[in-house]
């Protein structure tokens, strides 16, 4: 059947052009419905809860604001956490398109953030024009080298990247925790000391429209990175080779692609974006590190990537949706009266439905096939009746 004649949800799920968009939208709708049922069982109004998420992110005005802050302040805080989320999702997408599963994004973020903080974040004599670029360079170098190490272990010793990244995550978590507790700890908060304003990737207390805002430099980096990844995979030989390796390593090797090189470079590039996510998170959004604690954003980014169908541009919109629940969790908790962990529950539900994307497409294809079978059966029955009528007339 011609694809143009396929209508309804099943047609959209099986369309080459609209299938990925339909799956993402359907995943969000199913998440909202499921979350609404959970909130109703808790005795809360789902509409009020979802509105409070938007209010906490600056997409909906609150009933009142404190002195010097406003709706724009909340929106810039939302952008501040959106930047590392998008970069972390891009890190996962780069590896995933090469057939690799980088579950070590959290560790790569932590290592990059720690090294940038320790080497640059506490230097008081550096100017912002030097400190901020150095932070980015350290993030790129640390994340890239760690990612390359994972790729090298993959091709040299055939150690699965999931196993190696999980182990490396533990090593980084406890090693950085040791140094924070022994050298960089704030005795009052028991987390690391805050960085100097010159090294932070967020311009704090910038007055815009009469309110104070924390303007993130990372959001520009994240958006530029998303278009860069799209360009690499759509327009370059390097990107084609990575996708070929991800589709079939045997075929890629047969046509002359250096599979080992592609694996290492893919994990290195994935680590670069994870490193940028780390510095924009630790030296932008939080400005401190809790010892022996991996950032949950590294795992949330998997949900973002899957929801965005492993597309760099899709990841922009997916990260916006997921970050709404992460950034607005505190306000939702205080205004609705439920634990802020409900935001993580909603993210998990979203991940579950996003992971069912292929199953949704299969269901759509089955429905279309059943409709076609019914039409064929009806057509055959009509022809049979027509022949029976002609036969009766002749007799």
Protein backbone atom coordinates (compact mmCIF):
# COMPACT_ATOMS: atom_id res chain seq x y z
CA UNK A 1 0.00 0.00 0.00
CA UNK A 2 1.24 3.48 -0.80
CA UNK A 3 2.52 5.19 2.35
CA UNK A 4 0.52 8.34 1.55
CA UNK A 5 -2.70 6.40 1.93
CA UNK A 6 -1.87 5.16 5.40
CA UNK A 7 -3.83 7.18 7.90
CA UNK A 8 -4.20 7.43 11.63
CA UNK A 9 -1.68 6.70 14.35
CA UNK A 10 -0.59 3.41 12.78
CA UNK A 11 0.27 5.21 9.55
CA UNK A 12 2.37 7.78 11.40
CA UNK A 13 4.18 5.05 13.36
CA UNK A 14 5.19 3.28 10.15
CA UNK A 15 5.98 6.39 8.11
CA UNK A 16 9.66 6.81 7.23
CA UNK A 17 9.28 10.56 7.67
CA UNK A 18 7.15 10.84 10.81
CA UNK A 19 7.77 7.61 12.74
CA UNK A 20 10.49 8.96 15.06
CA UNK A 21 8.58 12.14 15.85
CA UNK A 22 5.38 10.17 16.48
CA UNK A 23 7.13 7.75 18.83
CA UNK A 24 8.59 10.62 20.88
CA UNK A 25 5.27 12.46 21.11
CA UNK A 26 3.46 9.24 22.00
CA UNK A 27 6.02 8.48 24.71
CA UNK A 28 5.45 11.92 26.25
CA UNK A 29 1.67 11.52 26.10
CA UNK A 30 1.81 8.07 27.71
CA UNK A 31 4.15 9.43 30.38
CA UNK A 32 1.75 12.27 31.18
CA UNK A 33 -1.20 9.87 31.41
CA UNK A 34 0.67 7.39 33.62
CA UNK A 35 2.05 10.14 35.85
CA UNK A 36 -1.44 11.63 36.16
CA UNK A 37 -2.78 8.30 37.43
CA UNK A 38 0.02 8.10 40.00
CA UNK A 39 -0.61 11.67 41.18
CA UNK A 40 -4.36 10.99 41.43
CA UNK A 41 -3.66 7.92 43.57
CA UNK A 42 -1.56 10.18 45.81
CA UNK A 43 -4.53 12.53 46.13
CA UNK A 44 -2.95 15.33 44.05
CA UNK A 45 -4.25 17.24 41.08
CA UNK A 46 -2.11 16.32 38.02
CA UNK A 47 -2.82 19.64 36.28
CA UNK A 48 -1.59 21.58 39.30
CA UNK A 49 1.50 19.36 39.54
CA UNK A 50 2.44 19.74 35.89
CA UNK A 51 1.83 23.48 36.06
CA UNK A 52 4.15 23.71 39.07
CA UNK A 53 6.89 22.04 37.03
CA UNK A 54 6.50 24.77 34.41
CA UNK A 55 6.46 27.46 37.10
CA UNK A 56 9.70 26.15 38.58
CA UNK A 57 11.38 26.43 35.16
CA UNK A 58 10.19 29.91 34.27
CA UNK A 59 7.62 28.86 31.65
CA UNK A 60 4.66 29.86 33.84
CA UNK A 61 4.49 32.71 36.36
CA UNK A 62 4.46 31.88 40.06
CA UNK A 63 2.01 33.40 42.51
CA UNK A 64 4.80 35.49 44.05
CA UNK A 65 8.55 35.98 43.90
CA UNK A 66 11.24 36.98 46.34
CA UNK A 67 13.09 40.26 46.15
CA UNK A 68 15.22 40.74 43.06
CA UNK A 69 14.15 37.57 41.27
CA UNK A 70 11.37 36.79 38.83
CA UNK A 71 10.15 34.50 36.11
CA UNK A 72 13.22 35.29 33.99
CA UNK A 73 15.48 34.22 36.85
CA UNK A 74 13.84 30.78 36.91
CA UNK A 75 14.15 30.47 33.13
CA UNK A 76 17.89 31.16 33.16
CA UNK A 77 18.33 28.64 35.99
CA UNK A 78 16.50 26.18 33.74
CA UNK A 79 18.91 26.94 30.89
CA UNK A 80 21.80 26.48 33.32
CA UNK A 81 20.91 22.83 33.93
CA UNK A 82 19.68 22.27 30.37
CA UNK A 83 23.18 22.84 28.98
CA UNK A 84 24.96 19.89 30.66
CA UNK A 85 21.90 17.68 30.09
CA UNK A 86 22.05 18.29 26.33
CA UNK A 87 25.82 17.79 26.21
CA UNK A 88 25.53 14.53 28.14
CA UNK A 89 22.82 13.32 25.74
CA UNK A 90 25.08 14.15 22.77
CA UNK A 91 27.84 12.12 24.42
CA UNK A 92 25.55 9.10 24.54
CA UNK A 93 24.31 9.63 20.97
CA UNK A 94 27.82 9.73 19.46
CA UNK A 95 28.72 6.37 21.04
CA UNK A 96 25.30 4.85 20.37
CA UNK A 97 25.44 5.58 16.64
CA UNK A 98 28.69 3.62 16.53
CA UNK A 99 27.06 0.66 18.24
CA UNK A 100 28.53 1.46 21.67
CA UNK A 101 26.73 2.07 24.96
CA UNK A 102 28.51 4.73 26.99
CA UNK A 103 27.09 4.31 30.46
CA UNK A 104 30.15 6.00 31.94
CA UNK A 105 29.04 9.55 31.17
CA UNK A 106 28.60 10.26 34.87
CA UNK A 107 32.19 9.29 35.61
CA UNK A 108 33.52 11.29 32.69
CA UNK A 109 31.54 14.30 33.87
CA UNK A 110 32.85 13.95 37.43
CA UNK A 111 36.49 13.53 36.41
CA UNK A 112 36.39 16.51 34.06
CA UNK A 113 34.63 18.70 36.61
CA UNK A 114 37.04 17.68 39.37
CA UNK A 115 40.19 18.30 37.34
CA UNK A 116 38.93 21.65 36.06
CA UNK A 117 37.99 22.67 39.60
CA UNK A 118 41.27 21.54 41.15
CA UNK A 119 43.54 22.96 38.44
CA UNK A 120 41.74 26.20 37.59
CA UNK A 121 38.74 26.67 39.87
CA UNK A 122 40.74 27.72 42.92
CA UNK A 123 43.27 30.00 41.21
CA UNK A 124 42.44 33.54 42.29
CA UNK A 125 44.78 35.49 40.02
CA UNK A 126 43.47 34.30 36.65
CA UNK A 127 41.31 36.59 34.59
CA UNK A 128 37.94 35.31 33.32
CA UNK A 129 39.21 35.53 29.73
CA UNK A 130 41.88 32.94 30.57
CA UNK A 131 40.18 30.88 33.29
CA UNK A 132 36.99 30.01 31.39
CA UNK A 133 38.76 28.75 28.22
CA UNK A 134 41.13 26.71 30.39
CA UNK A 135 38.16 25.08 32.12
CA UNK A 136 36.71 24.10 28.73
CA UNK A 137 40.07 22.78 27.49
CA UNK A 138 40.50 20.64 30.60
CA UNK A 139 36.97 19.31 30.24
CA UNK A 140 37.56 18.36 26.61
CA UNK A 141 40.95 16.77 27.32
CA UNK A 142 39.94 14.82 30.41
CA UNK A 143 36.68 13.51 28.94
CA UNK A 144 38.24 12.72 25.58
CA UNK A 145 41.20 10.81 27.03
CA UNK A 146 38.99 8.81 29.37
CA UNK A 147 36.61 7.97 26.52
CA UNK A 148 39.54 6.94 24.32
CA UNK A 149 40.76 4.63 27.10
CA UNK A 150 37.37 2.91 27.19
CA UNK A 151 37.45 2.52 23.40
CA UNK A 152 40.99 1.13 23.52
CA UNK A 153 40.00 -1.44 26.15
CA UNK A 154 37.08 -2.38 23.90
CA UNK A 155 39.07 -3.20 20.77
CA UNK A 156 42.36 -4.30 22.41
CA UNK A 157 41.01 -6.67 25.07
CA UNK A 158 37.35 -6.96 23.95
CA UNK A 159 36.17 -5.61 27.31
CA UNK A 160 32.54 -4.57 26.91
CA UNK A 161 32.17 -0.81 27.29
CA UNK A 162 29.29 -1.19 29.75
CA UNK A 163 31.47 -3.24 32.12
CA UNK A 164 34.53 -1.02 31.80
CA UNK A 165 32.60 2.24 32.20
CA UNK A 166 30.77 0.99 35.30
CA UNK A 167 34.07 -0.02 36.90
CA UNK A 168 35.73 3.26 35.90
CA UNK A 169 32.76 5.15 37.38
CA UNK A 170 33.44 3.56 40.77
CA UNK A 171 37.17 4.31 40.55
CA UNK A 172 36.56 7.96 39.67
CA UNK A 173 33.88 8.37 42.31
CA UNK A 174 36.01 7.12 45.19
CA UNK A 175 39.27 8.67 43.98
CA UNK A 176 37.82 12.15 43.56
CA UNK A 177 35.93 11.71 46.84
CA UNK A 178 39.21 11.01 48.61
CA UNK A 179 40.89 14.15 47.27
CA UNK A 180 37.87 16.32 47.95
CA UNK A 181 37.66 15.13 51.55
CA UNK A 182 41.40 15.53 52.16
CA UNK A 183 42.28 18.68 50.19
CA UNK A 184 39.31 20.61 48.85
CA UNK A 185 36.54 20.08 51.37
CA UNK A 186 34.43 22.87 52.80
CA UNK A 187 34.27 22.02 56.50
CA UNK A 188 30.81 23.54 56.82
CA UNK A 189 29.01 21.89 53.90
CA UNK A 190 31.24 18.79 53.64
CA UNK A 191 31.30 19.23 49.87
CA UNK A 192 34.06 20.80 47.78
CA UNK A 193 34.86 24.49 48.14
CA UNK A 194 33.18 26.75 45.59
CA UNK A 195 35.14 27.95 42.57
CA UNK A 196 36.23 31.49 41.87
CA UNK A 197 33.79 33.62 39.85
CA UNK A 198 36.42 33.97 37.11
CA UNK A 199 36.45 30.21 36.46
CA UNK A 200 32.69 29.68 36.54
CA UNK A 201 30.88 29.08 33.27
CA UNK A 202 27.86 30.94 34.63
CA UNK A 203 27.66 34.72 34.96
CA UNK A 204 25.95 35.16 38.31
CA UNK A 205 23.59 37.94 39.42
CA UNK A 206 23.35 39.61 36.03
CA UNK A 207 20.52 42.15 36.11
CA UNK A 208 18.13 41.68 33.19
CA UNK A 209 14.76 43.40 33.08
CA UNK A 210 15.08 44.49 36.71
CA UNK A 211 15.72 40.95 38.07
CA UNK A 212 18.91 39.07 38.92
CA UNK A 213 19.71 36.14 36.62
CA UNK A 214 22.42 33.49 36.44
CA UNK A 215 23.29 33.51 32.74
CA UNK A 216 24.90 30.23 31.58
CA UNK A 217 27.66 30.22 29.01
CA UNK A 218 27.14 26.48 28.63
CA UNK A 219 23.84 26.74 26.76
CA UNK A 220 25.60 28.32 23.77
CA UNK A 221 28.22 25.57 23.85
CA UNK A 222 25.55 22.87 24.05
CA UNK A 223 23.50 24.19 21.12
CA UNK A 224 26.63 24.60 18.99
CA UNK A 225 27.65 21.03 19.90
CA UNK A 226 24.27 19.66 18.82
CA UNK A 227 24.59 21.20 15.34
CA UNK A 228 28.22 20.07 15.16
CA UNK A 229 27.24 16.45 15.85
CA UNK A 230 24.50 16.66 13.22
CA UNK A 231 27.02 18.02 10.71
CA UNK A 232 29.52 15.27 11.50
CA UNK A 233 27.06 12.43 10.99
CA UNK A 234 25.25 13.95 8.01
CA UNK A 235 28.03 15.59 6.02
CA UNK A 236 31.42 14.03 6.81
CA UNK A 237 33.19 10.79 5.87
CA UNK A 238 34.15 10.34 9.51
CA UNK A 239 30.49 10.39 10.56
CA UNK A 240 29.58 7.95 7.79
CA UNK A 241 32.28 5.56 8.99
CA UNK A 242 31.01 5.74 12.57
CA UNK A 243 27.45 4.96 11.45
CA UNK A 244 28.69 2.13 9.24
CA UNK A 245 30.54 0.57 12.17
CA UNK A 246 27.41 0.93 14.29
CA UNK A 247 25.26 -0.76 11.63
CA UNK A 248 27.56 -3.73 10.95
CA UNK A 249 31.20 -4.02 11.95
CA UNK A 250 31.77 -6.92 9.55
CA UNK A 251 30.43 -4.95 6.59
CA UNK A 252 32.36 -1.85 7.65
CA UNK A 253 35.57 -3.87 7.83
CA UNK A 254 34.82 -5.43 4.43
CA UNK A 255 34.55 -2.04 2.71
CA UNK A 256 37.86 -0.92 4.22
CA UNK A 257 36.85 1.06 7.30
CA UNK A 258 39.26 0.83 10.22
CA UNK A 259 36.82 -0.46 12.83
CA UNK A 260 39.27 -0.30 15.73
CA UNK A 261 40.12 3.31 14.96
CA UNK A 262 36.42 4.20 14.67
CA UNK A 263 35.63 2.63 18.05
CA UNK A 264 38.39 4.55 19.83
CA UNK A 265 37.56 7.86 18.12
CA UNK A 266 33.85 7.43 18.76
CA UNK A 267 34.37 6.87 22.48
CA UNK A 268 36.89 9.73 22.57
CA UNK A 269 34.39 12.10 20.92
CA UNK A 270 31.68 10.84 23.27
CA UNK A 271 34.02 11.57 26.18
CA UNK A 272 34.66 15.09 24.86
CA UNK A 273 30.98 15.97 25.08
CA UNK A 274 30.71 14.25 28.48
CA UNK A 275 33.67 16.32 29.65
CA UNK A 276 31.99 19.52 28.48
CA UNK A 277 28.85 18.39 30.29
CA UNK A 278 30.94 17.91 33.42
CA UNK A 279 32.50 21.36 33.46
CA UNK A 280 29.23 23.13 32.60
CA UNK A 281 27.57 21.16 35.41
CA UNK A 282 30.16 21.45 38.18
CA UNK A 283 31.60 24.86 37.28
CA UNK A 284 28.36 26.25 35.96
CA UNK A 285 25.23 24.89 37.55
CA UNK A 286 26.27 23.51 40.95
CA UNK A 287 29.68 25.16 41.55
CA UNK A 288 30.51 22.39 44.02
CA UNK A 289 30.97 18.61 44.19
CA UNK A 290 29.63 16.15 46.75
CA UNK A 291 32.29 13.53 47.57
CA UNK A 292 31.72 9.99 46.25
CA UNK A 293 28.57 11.02 44.39
CA UNK A 294 28.14 10.54 40.65
CA UNK A 295 25.84 12.99 38.84
CA UNK A 296 22.49 11.38 38.09
CA UNK A 297 22.36 13.48 34.94
CA UNK A 298 24.71 11.02 33.28
CA UNK A 299 21.98 8.39 33.47
CA UNK A 300 19.10 10.78 32.75
CA UNK A 301 20.86 11.67 29.51
CA UNK A 302 20.14 8.15 28.27
CA UNK A 303 16.43 8.91 28.53
CA UNK A 304 16.98 12.16 26.67
CA UNK A 305 18.88 10.44 23.86
CA UNK A 306 16.30 7.67 23.48
CA UNK A 307 13.42 10.15 23.59
CA UNK A 308 15.16 12.17 20.89
CA UNK A 309 15.59 9.01 18.77
CA UNK A 310 19.37 9.35 18.93
CA UNK A 311 19.14 12.52 16.86
CA UNK A 312 21.19 15.61 17.83
CA UNK A 313 18.31 17.97 17.04
CA UNK A 314 15.81 15.60 18.65
CA UNK A 315 18.00 15.65 21.75
CA UNK A 316 17.50 19.42 22.05
CA UNK A 317 13.74 19.07 22.40
CA UNK A 318 13.99 15.88 24.47
CA UNK A 319 16.42 17.50 26.91
CA UNK A 320 14.06 20.46 27.26
CA UNK A 321 11.22 18.13 28.27
CA UNK A 322 13.26 16.02 30.71
CA UNK A 323 14.95 19.07 32.23
CA UNK A 324 11.55 20.60 33.00
CA UNK A 325 10.92 17.77 35.45
CA UNK A 326 14.44 17.95 36.88
CA UNK A 327 14.63 21.73 37.24
CA UNK A 328 11.06 22.22 38.43
CA UNK A 329 11.15 19.39 40.98
CA UNK A 330 11.84 21.56 44.03
CA UNK A 331 9.03 24.02 43.35
CA UNK A 332 6.64 21.21 42.50
CA UNK A 333 7.50 19.50 45.79
CA UNK A 334 6.91 22.61 47.88
CA UNK A 335 3.76 23.78 46.11
CA UNK A 336 2.01 20.43 45.60
CA UNK A 337 3.26 18.67 48.72
CA UNK A 338 4.86 15.55 47.28
CA UNK A 339 8.46 14.36 47.40
CA UNK A 340 10.66 15.87 44.72
CA UNK A 341 11.78 12.35 43.81
CA UNK A 342 8.51 12.13 41.88
CA UNK A 343 10.41 13.99 39.14
CA UNK A 344 12.88 11.11 38.88
CA UNK A 345 9.95 8.70 38.78
CA UNK A 346 8.42 10.63 35.88
CA UNK A 347 11.78 10.61 34.06
CA UNK A 348 11.97 6.85 34.57
CA UNK A 349 8.47 6.38 33.17
CA UNK A 350 9.43 8.52 30.18
CA UNK A 351 12.54 6.38 29.63
CA UNK A 352 10.41 3.24 29.75
CA UNK A 353 8.01 4.44 27.06
CA UNK A 354 10.83 5.89 24.94
CA UNK A 355 12.58 2.51 25.02
CA UNK A 356 9.40 0.92 23.64
CA UNK A 357 9.67 2.92 20.43
CA UNK A 358 10.46 -0.04 18.19
CA UNK A 359 7.64 -2.03 19.78
CA UNK A 360 5.23 0.84 19.01
CA UNK A 361 6.33 0.77 15.38
CA UNK A 362 5.78 -3.00 15.23
CA UNK A 363 2.27 -2.59 16.65
CA UNK A 364 1.54 0.08 14.04
CA UNK A 365 2.78 -2.19 11.26
CA UNK A 366 0.67 -5.08 12.54
CA UNK A 367 -2.43 -2.92 12.62
CA UNK A 368 -1.87 -1.79 9.03
CA UNK A 369 -1.32 -5.38 7.91
CA UNK A 370 -4.56 -6.45 9.59
CA UNK A 371 -6.44 -3.62 7.89
CA UNK A 372 -4.96 -4.62 4.55
CA UNK A 373 -5.91 -8.27 5.14
CA UNK A 374 -9.48 -7.20 5.94
CA UNK A 375 -9.67 -5.13 2.75
CA UNK A 376 -8.32 -8.02 0.69
CA UNK A 377 -10.78 -10.43 2.31
CA UNK A 378 -13.65 -8.01 1.66
CA UNK A 379 -12.54 -7.57 -1.96
CA UNK A 380 -12.33 -11.33 -2.46
CA UNK A 381 -15.78 -11.80 -0.90
CA UNK A 382 -17.22 -9.12 -3.22
CA UNK A 383 -15.67 -10.77 -6.25
CA UNK A 384 -16.98 -14.15 -5.10
CA UNK A 385 -20.50 -12.76 -4.81
CA UNK A 386 -20.14 -11.13 -8.21
CA UNK A 387 -19.09 -14.40 -9.84
CA UNK A 388 -21.91 -16.25 -8.04
CA UNK A 389 -24.42 -13.72 -9.39
CA UNK A 390 -23.12 -14.10 -12.93
CA UNK A 391 -23.23 -17.88 -12.63
CA UNK A 392 -26.88 -17.76 -11.41
CA UNK A 393 -27.85 -15.56 -14.35
CA UNK A 394 -26.40 -18.01 -16.89
CA UNK A 395 -28.22 -20.94 -15.36
